Amino acid sequence: MTQKLCCMVMRINIDCKGCYMKVSRALLTIPELETRFIEKNHSRVIVCGNFIPQDVAIKIRKKTNRRVEILEIQDLSGNDEPKQEEMPLITSCGNQVETETYVTSQNPQPHMYFQVYR
């Protein structure tokens, strides 16, 4: 999978100032991100840049030890290729990361949950 210019909206549980600082530090350590915005009241994080969305979500999950839910991915690269719908799937990689992807009936965008097992 190649990197592409995109914006991604994620839901990350931000309870307190410590959680906010942990998420903020994790976002600052990822060089692919050009813009970062944290909505503390709605527990949302919006990032833009040249990256692979799933890889960034996994990095944030590993660094913060918090569940990361991808709400929306906007492709800003400008290519007008027709996008192929992804079917619901569950994959695992080396017993470290488990990924669940499913499509809800209300929102056609897939939601992804990442959990790291140690």
N, C-alpha and C. Protein backbone atom coordinates (compact mmCIF):
# COMPACT_ATOMS: atom_id res chain seq x y z
N MET A 1 0.84 -1.17 0.00
CA MET A 1 0.00 0.00 0.00
C MET A 1 0.90 1.25 0.00
N THR A 2 0.57 2.22 -0.82
CA THR A 2 1.39 3.41 -0.93
C THR A 2 0.81 4.54 -0.09
N GLN A 3 1.68 5.48 0.25
CA GLN A 3 1.23 6.63 1.00
C GLN A 3 0.43 7.55 0.10
N LYS A 4 -0.55 8.22 0.67
CA LYS A 4 -1.37 9.15 -0.09
C LYS A 4 -1.70 10.35 0.78
N LEU A 5 -1.96 11.46 0.13
CA LEU A 5 -2.33 12.67 0.85
C LEU A 5 -3.79 12.55 1.29
N CYS A 6 -4.02 12.57 2.60
CA CYS A 6 -5.38 12.38 3.09
C CYS A 6 -5.56 13.04 4.45
N CYS A 7 -6.82 13.19 4.83
CA CYS A 7 -7.21 13.64 6.17
C CYS A 7 -7.98 12.50 6.83
N MET A 8 -7.74 12.30 8.11
CA MET A 8 -8.37 11.20 8.81
C MET A 8 -8.95 11.72 10.13
N VAL A 9 -10.18 11.33 10.41
CA VAL A 9 -10.84 11.67 11.67
C VAL A 9 -10.92 10.39 12.51
N MET A 10 -10.43 10.48 13.75
CA MET A 10 -10.41 9.31 14.64
C MET A 10 -11.09 9.66 15.95
N ARG A 11 -11.61 8.66 16.60
CA ARG A 11 -12.13 8.82 17.95
C ARG A 11 -11.17 8.13 18.90
N ILE A 12 -10.66 8.90 19.85
CA ILE A 12 -9.76 8.38 20.88
C ILE A 12 -10.29 8.88 22.21
N ASN A 13 -10.45 8.01 23.18
CA ASN A 13 -10.99 8.41 24.47
C ASN A 13 -9.98 9.31 25.20
N ILE A 14 -10.37 10.59 25.40
CA ILE A 14 -9.53 11.56 26.09
C ILE A 14 -10.28 12.01 27.33
N ASP A 15 -9.91 11.44 28.49
CA ASP A 15 -10.62 11.70 29.74
C ASP A 15 -10.09 12.91 30.49
N CYS A 16 -8.77 13.08 30.50
CA CYS A 16 -8.17 14.09 31.35
C CYS A 16 -7.04 14.79 30.62
N LYS A 17 -6.39 15.71 31.29
CA LYS A 17 -5.29 16.45 30.68
C LYS A 17 -4.10 15.52 30.39
N GLY A 18 -3.89 14.53 31.24
CA GLY A 18 -2.81 13.58 31.01
C GLY A 18 -3.03 12.78 29.73
N CYS A 19 -4.27 12.36 29.50
CA CYS A 19 -4.61 11.64 28.27
C CYS A 19 -4.40 12.54 27.05
N TYR A 20 -4.81 13.80 27.20
CA TYR A 20 -4.65 14.78 26.12
C TYR A 20 -3.17 14.94 25.78
N MET A 21 -2.32 15.06 26.80
CA MET A 21 -0.88 15.23 26.57
C MET A 21 -0.26 13.98 25.96
N LYS A 22 -0.73 12.80 26.38
CA LYS A 22 -0.21 11.55 25.83
C LYS A 22 -0.53 11.45 24.33
N VAL A 23 -1.76 11.77 23.95
CA VAL A 23 -2.16 11.74 22.54
C VAL A 23 -1.41 12.81 21.76
N SER A 24 -1.26 13.99 22.34
CA SER A 24 -0.55 15.09 21.68
C SER A 24 0.91 14.72 21.41
N ARG A 25 1.58 14.14 22.39
CA ARG A 25 2.98 13.71 22.21
C ARG A 25 3.10 12.63 21.15
N ALA A 26 2.14 11.70 21.14
CA ALA A 26 2.18 10.63 20.15
C ALA A 26 2.02 11.19 18.74
N LEU A 27 1.14 12.18 18.58
CA LEU A 27 0.94 12.78 17.26
C LEU A 27 2.18 13.55 16.81
N LEU A 28 2.86 14.20 17.74
CA LEU A 28 4.04 14.98 17.39
C LEU A 28 5.23 14.11 16.99
N THR A 29 5.23 12.85 17.41
CA THR A 29 6.35 11.96 17.08
C THR A 29 6.19 11.27 15.72
N ILE A 30 5.05 11.47 15.06
CA ILE A 30 4.81 10.85 13.75
C ILE A 30 5.12 11.88 12.68
N PRO A 31 6.23 11.72 11.95
CA PRO A 31 6.66 12.76 11.00
C PRO A 31 5.78 12.89 9.76
N GLU A 32 5.00 11.88 9.42
CA GLU A 32 4.17 11.93 8.22
C GLU A 32 3.01 12.92 8.36
N LEU A 33 2.65 13.26 9.58
CA LEU A 33 1.50 14.13 9.82
C LEU A 33 1.90 15.59 9.64
N GLU A 34 1.17 16.28 8.77
CA GLU A 34 1.44 17.70 8.55
C GLU A 34 0.59 18.57 9.48
N THR A 35 -0.67 18.19 9.68
CA THR A 35 -1.57 18.95 10.56
C THR A 35 -2.18 18.01 11.58
N ARG A 36 -2.31 18.51 12.80
CA ARG A 36 -2.90 17.73 13.89
C ARG A 36 -3.89 18.62 14.62
N PHE A 37 -5.07 18.08 14.91
CA PHE A 37 -6.08 18.84 15.66
C PHE A 37 -6.78 17.88 16.61
N ILE A 38 -6.83 18.25 17.88
CA ILE A 38 -7.47 17.41 18.90
C ILE A 38 -8.70 18.14 19.42
N GLU A 39 -9.88 17.54 19.25
CA GLU A 39 -11.12 18.05 19.83
C GLU A 39 -11.34 17.31 21.14
N LYS A 40 -10.92 17.92 22.22
CA LYS A 40 -10.96 17.27 23.54
C LYS A 40 -12.40 16.97 23.98
N ASN A 41 -13.31 17.90 23.73
CA ASN A 41 -14.70 17.72 24.19
C ASN A 41 -15.40 16.57 23.49
N HIS A 42 -15.09 16.34 22.22
CA HIS A 42 -15.75 15.28 21.45
C HIS A 42 -14.89 14.03 21.32
N SER A 43 -13.71 14.02 21.95
CA SER A 43 -12.77 12.89 21.88
C SER A 43 -12.43 12.54 20.43
N ARG A 44 -12.21 13.56 19.62
CA ARG A 44 -11.86 13.35 18.22
C ARG A 44 -10.48 13.91 17.93
N VAL A 45 -9.79 13.24 17.03
CA VAL A 45 -8.48 13.69 16.57
C VAL A 45 -8.53 13.74 15.05
N ILE A 46 -8.12 14.87 14.48
CA ILE A 46 -8.10 15.03 13.03
C ILE A 46 -6.65 15.26 12.61
N VAL A 47 -6.18 14.44 11.68
CA VAL A 47 -4.81 14.58 11.17
C VAL A 47 -4.84 14.61 9.65
N CYS A 48 -3.92 15.38 9.08
CA CYS A 48 -3.77 15.46 7.63
C CYS A 48 -2.30 15.30 7.30
N GLY A 49 -2.03 14.72 6.14
CA GLY A 49 -0.65 14.55 5.70
C GLY A 49 -0.54 13.47 4.65
N ASN A 50 0.69 13.08 4.37
CA ASN A 50 0.99 12.06 3.37
C ASN A 50 1.32 10.76 4.12
N PHE A 51 0.32 9.90 4.32
CA PHE A 51 0.51 8.71 5.14
C PHE A 51 -0.48 7.62 4.75
N ILE A 52 -0.26 6.44 5.30
CA ILE A 52 -1.20 5.32 5.18
C ILE A 52 -2.06 5.35 6.45
N PRO A 53 -3.37 5.57 6.32
CA PRO A 53 -4.22 5.77 7.51
C PRO A 53 -4.14 4.65 8.54
N GLN A 54 -4.16 3.41 8.11
CA GLN A 54 -4.13 2.29 9.06
C GLN A 54 -2.82 2.27 9.85
N ASP A 55 -1.71 2.58 9.17
CA ASP A 55 -0.41 2.58 9.85
C ASP A 55 -0.34 3.66 10.93
N VAL A 56 -0.87 4.82 10.63
CA VAL A 56 -0.87 5.91 11.61
C VAL A 56 -1.75 5.55 12.81
N ALA A 57 -2.91 4.94 12.57
CA ALA A 57 -3.80 4.54 13.66
C ALA A 57 -3.12 3.49 14.55
N ILE A 58 -2.40 2.58 13.95
CA ILE A 58 -1.69 1.55 14.72
C ILE A 58 -0.58 2.19 15.55
N LYS A 59 0.16 3.14 14.97
CA LYS A 59 1.23 3.82 15.71
C LYS A 59 0.67 4.57 16.91
N ILE A 60 -0.45 5.27 16.71
CA ILE A 60 -1.07 6.01 17.82
C ILE A 60 -1.54 5.04 18.89
N ARG A 61 -2.11 3.91 18.49
CA ARG A 61 -2.58 2.90 19.44
C ARG A 61 -1.43 2.36 20.28
N LYS A 62 -0.31 2.08 19.64
CA LYS A 62 0.84 1.53 20.36
C LYS A 62 1.44 2.55 21.32
N LYS A 63 1.50 3.82 20.89
CA LYS A 63 2.16 4.84 21.71
C LYS A 63 1.28 5.32 22.87
N THR A 64 -0.04 5.31 22.71
CA THR A 64 -0.92 5.82 23.76
C THR A 64 -1.59 4.74 24.59
N ASN A 65 -1.59 3.52 24.11
CA ASN A 65 -2.28 2.40 24.78
C ASN A 65 -3.77 2.71 24.94
N ARG A 66 -4.36 3.36 23.94
CA ARG A 66 -5.78 3.69 23.93
C ARG A 66 -6.40 3.17 22.64
N ARG A 67 -7.68 2.84 22.70
CA ARG A 67 -8.39 2.37 21.52
C ARG A 67 -8.53 3.51 20.52
N VAL A 68 -8.27 3.22 19.25
CA VAL A 68 -8.36 4.21 18.18
C VAL A 68 -9.42 3.73 17.19
N GLU A 69 -10.42 4.57 16.97
CA GLU A 69 -11.49 4.24 16.03
C GLU A 69 -11.43 5.24 14.88
N ILE A 70 -11.24 4.75 13.66
CA ILE A 70 -11.21 5.62 12.49
C ILE A 70 -12.65 5.90 12.08
N LEU A 71 -13.03 7.19 12.10
CA LEU A 71 -14.39 7.57 11.74
C LEU A 71 -14.51 7.90 10.26
N GLU A 72 -13.51 8.58 9.72
CA GLU A 72 -13.59 9.03 8.33
C GLU A 72 -12.19 9.20 7.76
N ILE A 73 -12.05 8.84 6.49
CA ILE A 73 -10.80 9.05 5.75
C ILE A 73 -11.15 9.78 4.47
N GLN A 74 -10.55 10.96 4.27
CA GLN A 74 -10.75 11.73 3.04
C GLN A 74 -9.48 11.69 2.23
N ASP A 75 -9.58 11.25 0.99
CA ASP A 75 -8.43 11.20 0.10
C ASP A 75 -8.30 12.55 -0.59
N LEU A 76 -7.17 13.22 -0.40
CA LEU A 76 -6.94 14.53 -0.98
C LEU A 76 -5.92 14.50 -2.10
N SER A 77 -5.52 13.32 -2.55
CA SER A 77 -4.47 13.20 -3.55
C SER A 77 -4.91 13.68 -4.93
N GLY A 78 -6.20 13.78 -5.19
CA GLY A 78 -6.68 14.35 -6.44
C GLY A 78 -6.87 13.38 -7.58
N ASN A 79 -6.56 12.11 -7.41
CA ASN A 79 -6.79 11.16 -8.50
C ASN A 79 -8.27 10.78 -8.51
N ASP A 80 -8.83 10.67 -9.71
CA ASP A 80 -10.26 10.41 -9.86
C ASP A 80 -10.56 8.95 -10.18
N GLU A 81 -9.76 8.05 -9.64
CA GLU A 81 -10.00 6.62 -9.86
C GLU A 81 -11.22 6.19 -9.04
N PRO A 82 -12.05 5.33 -9.61
CA PRO A 82 -13.19 4.83 -8.82
C PRO A 82 -12.70 3.97 -7.67
N LYS A 83 -13.25 4.23 -6.49
CA LYS A 83 -12.84 3.48 -5.31
C LYS A 83 -13.65 2.20 -5.19
N GLN A 84 -12.97 1.15 -4.82
CA GLN A 84 -13.62 -0.15 -4.66
C GLN A 84 -14.02 -0.31 -3.20
N GLU A 85 -15.27 -0.70 -2.97
CA GLU A 85 -15.76 -0.89 -1.61
C GLU A 85 -15.06 -2.07 -0.95
N GLU A 86 -14.68 -1.89 0.30
CA GLU A 86 -14.04 -2.97 1.04
C GLU A 86 -15.10 -3.81 1.73
N MET A 87 -14.90 -5.09 1.68
CA MET A 87 -15.79 -6.01 2.36
C MET A 87 -15.37 -6.10 3.82
N PRO A 88 -16.30 -6.41 4.72
CA PRO A 88 -15.92 -6.58 6.12
C PRO A 88 -14.89 -7.69 6.28
N LEU A 89 -13.86 -7.44 7.12
CA LEU A 89 -12.82 -8.44 7.28
C LEU A 89 -12.22 -8.35 8.66
N ILE A 90 -11.59 -9.44 9.05
CA ILE A 90 -10.83 -9.48 10.30
C ILE A 90 -9.49 -10.11 9.95
N THR A 91 -8.41 -9.41 10.28
CA THR A 91 -7.09 -9.94 10.01
C THR A 91 -6.25 -9.83 11.26
N SER A 92 -5.23 -10.65 11.34
CA SER A 92 -4.28 -10.54 12.44
C SER A 92 -2.89 -10.71 11.86
N CYS A 93 -1.92 -10.09 12.52
CA CYS A 93 -0.55 -10.08 12.01
C CYS A 93 0.39 -10.43 13.16
N GLY A 94 0.96 -11.59 13.15
CA GLY A 94 1.98 -11.99 14.11
C GLY A 94 1.55 -11.94 15.57
N ASN A 95 0.29 -12.14 15.88
CA ASN A 95 -0.25 -12.12 17.24
C ASN A 95 0.05 -10.83 17.99
N GLN A 96 0.42 -9.76 17.29
CA GLN A 96 0.65 -8.48 17.96
C GLN A 96 -0.48 -7.51 17.71
N VAL A 97 -0.98 -7.45 16.48
CA VAL A 97 -2.01 -6.48 16.15
C VAL A 97 -3.19 -7.19 15.55
N GLU A 98 -4.36 -6.88 16.04
CA GLU A 98 -5.59 -7.43 15.48
C GLU A 98 -6.41 -6.27 14.93
N THR A 99 -6.88 -6.41 13.69
CA THR A 99 -7.62 -5.35 13.04
C THR A 99 -9.00 -5.84 12.68
N GLU A 100 -10.01 -5.07 13.05
CA GLU A 100 -11.38 -5.37 12.66
C GLU A 100 -11.87 -4.23 11.78
N THR A 101 -12.48 -4.56 10.65
CA THR A 101 -13.05 -3.56 9.76
C THR A 101 -14.48 -3.96 9.47
N TYR A 102 -15.40 -3.02 9.62
CA TYR A 102 -16.78 -3.32 9.27
C TYR A 102 -17.45 -2.06 8.76
N VAL A 103 -18.52 -2.23 8.02
CA VAL A 103 -19.26 -1.11 7.46
C VAL A 103 -20.63 -1.06 8.14
N THR A 104 -20.99 0.12 8.66
CA THR A 104 -22.28 0.27 9.30
C THR A 104 -23.33 0.69 8.28
N SER A 105 -24.58 0.51 8.60
CA SER A 105 -25.65 0.86 7.67
C SER A 105 -25.88 2.36 7.60
N GLN A 106 -25.58 3.09 8.68
CA GLN A 106 -25.80 4.53 8.69
C GLN A 106 -24.71 5.28 7.95
N ASN A 107 -23.48 4.82 8.02
CA ASN A 107 -22.35 5.51 7.42
C ASN A 107 -21.61 4.54 6.50
N PRO A 108 -21.50 4.83 5.22
CA PRO A 108 -20.84 3.89 4.31
C PRO A 108 -19.34 3.78 4.52
N GLN A 109 -18.72 4.68 5.29
CA GLN A 109 -17.29 4.60 5.54
C GLN A 109 -17.00 3.47 6.52
N PRO A 110 -15.96 2.69 6.29
CA PRO A 110 -15.62 1.63 7.24
C PRO A 110 -15.05 2.21 8.53
N HIS A 111 -15.40 1.58 9.65
CA HIS A 111 -14.83 1.93 10.95
C HIS A 111 -13.79 0.88 11.27
N MET A 112 -12.68 1.30 11.83
CA MET A 112 -11.63 0.34 12.14
C MET A 112 -11.25 0.46 13.60
N TYR A 113 -11.06 -0.67 14.24
CA TYR A 113 -10.59 -0.71 15.62
C TYR A 113 -9.25 -1.42 15.61
N PHE A 114 -8.32 -0.91 16.37
CA PHE A 114 -7.01 -1.53 16.47
C PHE A 114 -6.74 -1.85 17.92
N GLN A 115 -6.33 -3.06 18.16
CA GLN A 115 -5.96 -3.46 19.51
C GLN A 115 -4.62 -4.16 19.45
N VAL A 116 -3.75 -3.81 20.37
CA VAL A 116 -2.42 -4.40 20.41
C VAL A 116 -2.36 -5.36 21.58
N TYR A 117 -1.91 -6.56 21.33
CA TYR A 117 -1.76 -7.56 22.38
C TYR A 117 -0.29 -7.70 22.72
N ARG A 118 0.03 -7.69 23.98
CA ARG A 118 1.45 -7.80 24.39
C ARG A 118 1.70 -9.10 25.08
